[in-house]
Amino acid sequence: MDRLTLEGLSMEQLREEAKKCGLPTTKNQHTLIDAIMSHAERHRVEVAAQESQSTVTQTTLETPARVEEPRASSKMEQILALLLQQQQQCWG
C-alpha cells in the first residue's frame, strides 16, 4: 500500500492495518503511516532477498545437461560433413 492510500484512510482503518502488520497502534496518524510504510518496505526487502536466495539455490542444485555431439540427421548435413573432412585432409 502506498503512502497516498494510507493518508486517505481513517484512523480506525490505519489502526486495523497496523494490527494486521503486528505493529503497535498510536493516536498519531503520521506515526501510524510511517510505521506501516517502514514495515512494508522491510517486508519487500525480505521477500526480495528470499526470492533471490531461492533462485541461487535452484540454480546451484540443477544437474548440468550432458552435451552430446550433434548428429547429421539429414543427407545435406552428411554431405557437408564429408566435404569438410575432405577439405581438412587436403589442407591439413
N, C-alpha and C. Protein backbone atom coordinates (compact mmCIF):
# COMPACT_ATOMS: atom_id res chain seq x y z
N MET A 1 0.85 -1.17 0.00
CA MET A 1 0.00 0.00 0.00
C MET A 1 0.90 1.24 0.00
N ASP A 2 0.56 2.22 -0.80
CA ASP A 2 1.40 3.42 -0.87
C ASP A 2 0.95 4.47 0.14
N ARG A 3 1.81 5.47 0.32
CA ARG A 3 1.57 6.50 1.33
C ARG A 3 0.28 7.27 1.06
N LEU A 4 -0.01 7.59 -0.19
CA LEU A 4 -1.22 8.35 -0.50
C LEU A 4 -2.48 7.58 -0.12
N THR A 5 -2.46 6.29 -0.36
CA THR A 5 -3.60 5.46 0.02
C THR A 5 -3.77 5.45 1.53
N LEU A 6 -2.65 5.30 2.24
CA LEU A 6 -2.72 5.29 3.70
C LEU A 6 -3.22 6.63 4.24
N GLU A 7 -2.80 7.72 3.64
CA GLU A 7 -3.23 9.04 4.10
C GLU A 7 -4.73 9.25 3.90
N GLY A 8 -5.32 8.52 2.98
CA GLY A 8 -6.76 8.62 2.74
C GLY A 8 -7.60 7.77 3.68
N LEU A 9 -6.95 6.91 4.48
CA LEU A 9 -7.69 6.03 5.39
C LEU A 9 -8.04 6.76 6.68
N SER A 10 -9.09 6.30 7.32
CA SER A 10 -9.46 6.84 8.64
C SER A 10 -8.50 6.29 9.69
N MET A 11 -8.52 6.89 10.87
CA MET A 11 -7.65 6.42 11.96
C MET A 11 -7.98 4.97 12.30
N GLU A 12 -9.24 4.63 12.28
CA GLU A 12 -9.64 3.25 12.60
C GLU A 12 -9.08 2.29 11.56
N GLN A 13 -9.15 2.66 10.31
CA GLN A 13 -8.59 1.81 9.24
C GLN A 13 -7.08 1.69 9.36
N LEU A 14 -6.42 2.80 9.73
CA LEU A 14 -4.97 2.75 9.93
C LEU A 14 -4.60 1.83 11.08
N ARG A 15 -5.38 1.90 12.16
CA ARG A 15 -5.13 1.02 13.31
C ARG A 15 -5.30 -0.45 12.92
N GLU A 16 -6.33 -0.73 12.12
CA GLU A 16 -6.55 -2.10 11.66
C GLU A 16 -5.38 -2.57 10.80
N GLU A 17 -4.91 -1.71 9.92
CA GLU A 17 -3.77 -2.05 9.05
C GLU A 17 -2.53 -2.31 9.90
N ALA A 18 -2.32 -1.48 10.91
CA ALA A 18 -1.18 -1.66 11.81
C ALA A 18 -1.28 -2.99 12.55
N LYS A 19 -2.47 -3.34 13.01
CA LYS A 19 -2.67 -4.62 13.70
C LYS A 19 -2.37 -5.80 12.78
N LYS A 20 -2.81 -5.70 11.51
CA LYS A 20 -2.52 -6.77 10.55
C LYS A 20 -1.02 -7.00 10.40
N CYS A 21 -0.26 -5.90 10.51
CA CYS A 21 1.20 -5.98 10.36
C CYS A 21 1.89 -6.33 11.67
N GLY A 22 1.11 -6.43 12.76
CA GLY A 22 1.70 -6.73 14.06
C GLY A 22 2.39 -5.52 14.66
N LEU A 23 1.94 -4.34 14.30
CA LEU A 23 2.55 -3.10 14.78
C LEU A 23 1.71 -2.51 15.91
N PRO A 24 2.36 -1.80 16.84
CA PRO A 24 1.59 -1.13 17.89
C PRO A 24 0.80 0.04 17.30
N THR A 25 -0.37 0.31 17.85
CA THR A 25 -1.18 1.41 17.35
C THR A 25 -0.95 2.64 18.23
N THR A 26 -1.01 3.79 17.59
CA THR A 26 -0.86 5.06 18.31
C THR A 26 -2.02 5.96 17.93
N LYS A 27 -2.08 7.10 18.57
CA LYS A 27 -3.14 8.07 18.27
C LYS A 27 -2.71 9.06 17.19
N ASN A 28 -1.44 9.00 16.78
CA ASN A 28 -0.92 9.94 15.80
C ASN A 28 -0.97 9.31 14.41
N GLN A 29 -1.70 9.94 13.51
CA GLN A 29 -1.89 9.41 12.16
C GLN A 29 -0.56 9.28 11.42
N HIS A 30 0.29 10.30 11.49
CA HIS A 30 1.56 10.28 10.76
C HIS A 30 2.49 9.19 11.29
N THR A 31 2.47 8.97 12.61
CA THR A 31 3.30 7.91 13.19
C THR A 31 2.83 6.54 12.73
N LEU A 32 1.51 6.35 12.66
CA LEU A 32 0.96 5.08 12.17
C LEU A 32 1.35 4.85 10.71
N ILE A 33 1.19 5.88 9.90
CA ILE A 33 1.53 5.76 8.48
C ILE A 33 3.01 5.45 8.30
N ASP A 34 3.86 6.15 9.05
CA ASP A 34 5.31 5.89 8.97
C ASP A 34 5.64 4.46 9.37
N ALA A 35 5.00 3.98 10.43
CA ALA A 35 5.26 2.62 10.91
C ALA A 35 4.82 1.58 9.87
N ILE A 36 3.66 1.80 9.28
CA ILE A 36 3.15 0.86 8.27
C ILE A 36 4.04 0.89 7.03
N MET A 37 4.46 2.08 6.61
CA MET A 37 5.34 2.19 5.44
C MET A 37 6.69 1.52 5.70
N SER A 38 7.24 1.72 6.89
CA SER A 38 8.52 1.08 7.24
C SER A 38 8.39 -0.43 7.24
N HIS A 39 7.29 -0.91 7.81
CA HIS A 39 7.06 -2.35 7.83
C HIS A 39 6.94 -2.90 6.41
N ALA A 40 6.20 -2.19 5.57
CA ALA A 40 6.01 -2.64 4.18
C ALA A 40 7.34 -2.68 3.45
N GLU A 41 8.18 -1.69 3.66
CA GLU A 41 9.49 -1.65 2.99
C GLU A 41 10.38 -2.80 3.47
N ARG A 42 10.40 -3.04 4.78
CA ARG A 42 11.19 -4.17 5.31
C ARG A 42 10.69 -5.49 4.74
N HIS A 43 9.38 -5.62 4.65
CA HIS A 43 8.80 -6.86 4.13
C HIS A 43 9.17 -7.06 2.66
N ARG A 44 9.15 -5.98 1.87
CA ARG A 44 9.54 -6.07 0.45
C ARG A 44 11.00 -6.50 0.32
N VAL A 45 11.87 -5.95 1.15
CA VAL A 45 13.29 -6.30 1.11
C VAL A 45 13.48 -7.76 1.49
N GLU A 46 12.77 -8.22 2.53
CA GLU A 46 12.89 -9.62 2.96
C GLU A 46 12.41 -10.57 1.87
N VAL A 47 11.29 -10.25 1.25
CA VAL A 47 10.74 -11.10 0.19
C VAL A 47 11.70 -11.14 -1.00
N ALA A 48 12.24 -9.98 -1.37
CA ALA A 48 13.18 -9.94 -2.49
C ALA A 48 14.43 -10.76 -2.18
N ALA A 49 14.92 -10.68 -0.94
CA ALA A 49 16.10 -11.45 -0.56
C ALA A 49 15.80 -12.94 -0.58
N GLN A 50 14.63 -13.34 -0.13
CA GLN A 50 14.26 -14.76 -0.14
C GLN A 50 14.12 -15.26 -1.57
N GLU A 51 13.53 -14.46 -2.44
CA GLU A 51 13.39 -14.87 -3.84
C GLU A 51 14.75 -14.99 -4.50
N SER A 52 15.63 -14.07 -4.19
CA SER A 52 16.98 -14.10 -4.75
C SER A 52 17.72 -15.35 -4.27
N GLN A 53 17.61 -15.65 -2.98
CA GLN A 53 18.27 -16.84 -2.42
C GLN A 53 17.67 -18.10 -3.02
N SER A 54 16.36 -18.11 -3.21
CA SER A 54 15.69 -19.26 -3.81
C SER A 54 16.19 -19.49 -5.22
N THR A 55 16.37 -18.44 -5.98
CA THR A 55 16.86 -18.56 -7.35
C THR A 55 18.28 -19.11 -7.36
N VAL A 56 19.12 -18.61 -6.46
CA VAL A 56 20.50 -19.09 -6.39
C VAL A 56 20.53 -20.55 -6.01
N THR A 57 19.71 -20.95 -5.05
CA THR A 57 19.67 -22.34 -4.62
C THR A 57 19.22 -23.25 -5.75
N GLN A 58 18.17 -22.86 -6.45
CA GLN A 58 17.67 -23.67 -7.55
C GLN A 58 18.71 -23.80 -8.64
N THR A 59 19.41 -22.73 -8.91
CA THR A 59 20.41 -22.76 -9.97
C THR A 59 21.57 -23.67 -9.61
N THR A 60 22.00 -23.63 -8.36
CA THR A 60 23.15 -24.43 -7.98
C THR A 60 22.80 -25.91 -7.83
N LEU A 61 21.53 -26.23 -7.63
CA LEU A 61 21.15 -27.62 -7.44
C LEU A 61 20.87 -28.36 -8.74
N GLU A 62 20.71 -27.62 -9.81
CA GLU A 62 20.41 -28.27 -11.08
C GLU A 62 21.62 -29.06 -11.59
N THR A 63 21.36 -30.21 -12.16
CA THR A 63 22.41 -31.03 -12.73
C THR A 63 22.72 -30.53 -14.14
N PRO A 64 24.00 -30.34 -14.44
CA PRO A 64 24.32 -29.86 -15.78
C PRO A 64 23.87 -30.85 -16.85
N ALA A 65 23.40 -30.33 -17.94
CA ALA A 65 22.94 -31.18 -19.03
C ALA A 65 24.14 -31.84 -19.70
N ARG A 66 23.95 -33.05 -20.16
CA ARG A 66 25.01 -33.77 -20.86
C ARG A 66 25.07 -33.27 -22.30
N VAL A 67 26.24 -32.89 -22.70
CA VAL A 67 26.41 -32.36 -24.05
C VAL A 67 26.87 -33.48 -24.96
N GLU A 68 26.12 -33.69 -26.00
CA GLU A 68 26.47 -34.73 -26.97
C GLU A 68 26.82 -34.07 -28.29
N GLU A 69 27.65 -34.75 -29.04
CA GLU A 69 28.00 -34.25 -30.36
C GLU A 69 26.75 -34.28 -31.24
N PRO A 70 26.52 -33.23 -31.99
CA PRO A 70 25.35 -33.24 -32.87
C PRO A 70 25.52 -34.29 -33.97
N ARG A 71 24.43 -34.92 -34.30
CA ARG A 71 24.45 -35.96 -35.33
C ARG A 71 23.90 -35.38 -36.63
N ALA A 72 24.48 -35.82 -37.72
CA ALA A 72 23.97 -35.39 -39.02
C ALA A 72 22.66 -36.11 -39.25
N SER A 73 21.58 -35.36 -39.26
CA SER A 73 20.27 -36.00 -39.38
C SER A 73 19.74 -35.99 -40.80
N SER A 74 20.27 -35.13 -41.61
CA SER A 74 19.76 -35.10 -42.98
C SER A 74 20.89 -35.42 -43.96
N LYS A 75 20.52 -35.74 -45.14
CA LYS A 75 21.51 -36.04 -46.19
C LYS A 75 22.42 -34.84 -46.42
N MET A 76 21.86 -33.65 -46.42
CA MET A 76 22.65 -32.46 -46.67
C MET A 76 23.72 -32.28 -45.59
N GLU A 77 23.36 -32.48 -44.35
CA GLU A 77 24.33 -32.35 -43.27
C GLU A 77 25.44 -33.39 -43.41
N GLN A 78 25.08 -34.59 -43.82
CA GLN A 78 26.08 -35.64 -44.01
C GLN A 78 27.04 -35.28 -45.14
N ILE A 79 26.50 -34.74 -46.22
CA ILE A 79 27.34 -34.35 -47.36
C ILE A 79 28.28 -33.22 -46.96
N LEU A 80 27.75 -32.23 -46.24
CA LEU A 80 28.57 -31.11 -45.80
C LEU A 80 29.68 -31.57 -44.86
N ALA A 81 29.37 -32.50 -43.98
CA ALA A 81 30.38 -33.03 -43.07
C ALA A 81 31.47 -33.76 -43.84
N LEU A 82 31.08 -34.52 -44.86
CA LEU A 82 32.05 -35.23 -45.69
C LEU A 82 32.95 -34.27 -46.46
N LEU A 83 32.36 -33.25 -47.05
CA LEU A 83 33.14 -32.25 -47.78
C LEU A 83 34.12 -31.54 -46.85
N LEU A 84 33.68 -31.23 -45.64
CA LEU A 84 34.54 -30.56 -44.68
C LEU A 84 35.72 -31.45 -44.30
N GLN A 85 35.46 -32.73 -44.11
CA GLN A 85 36.55 -33.66 -43.80
C GLN A 85 37.56 -33.73 -44.94
N GLN A 86 37.06 -33.81 -46.16
CA GLN A 86 37.95 -33.88 -47.31
C GLN A 86 38.78 -32.62 -47.45
N GLN A 87 38.14 -31.48 -47.21
CA GLN A 87 38.86 -30.22 -47.30
C GLN A 87 39.95 -30.13 -46.23
N GLN A 88 39.65 -30.60 -45.03
CA GLN A 88 40.63 -30.57 -43.96
C GLN A 88 41.81 -31.50 -44.28
N GLN A 89 41.51 -32.63 -44.91
CA GLN A 89 42.58 -33.56 -45.27
C GLN A 89 43.49 -32.95 -46.35
N CYS A 90 42.90 -32.24 -47.29
CA CYS A 90 43.69 -31.62 -48.35
C CYS A 90 44.55 -30.48 -47.82
N TRP A 91 44.05 -29.69 -46.90
CA TRP A 91 44.76 -28.52 -46.40
C TRP A 91 45.52 -28.83 -45.13
N GLY A 92 45.23 -29.90 -44.48
CA GLY A 92 45.83 -30.18 -43.19
C GLY A 92 46.96 -31.08 -43.24
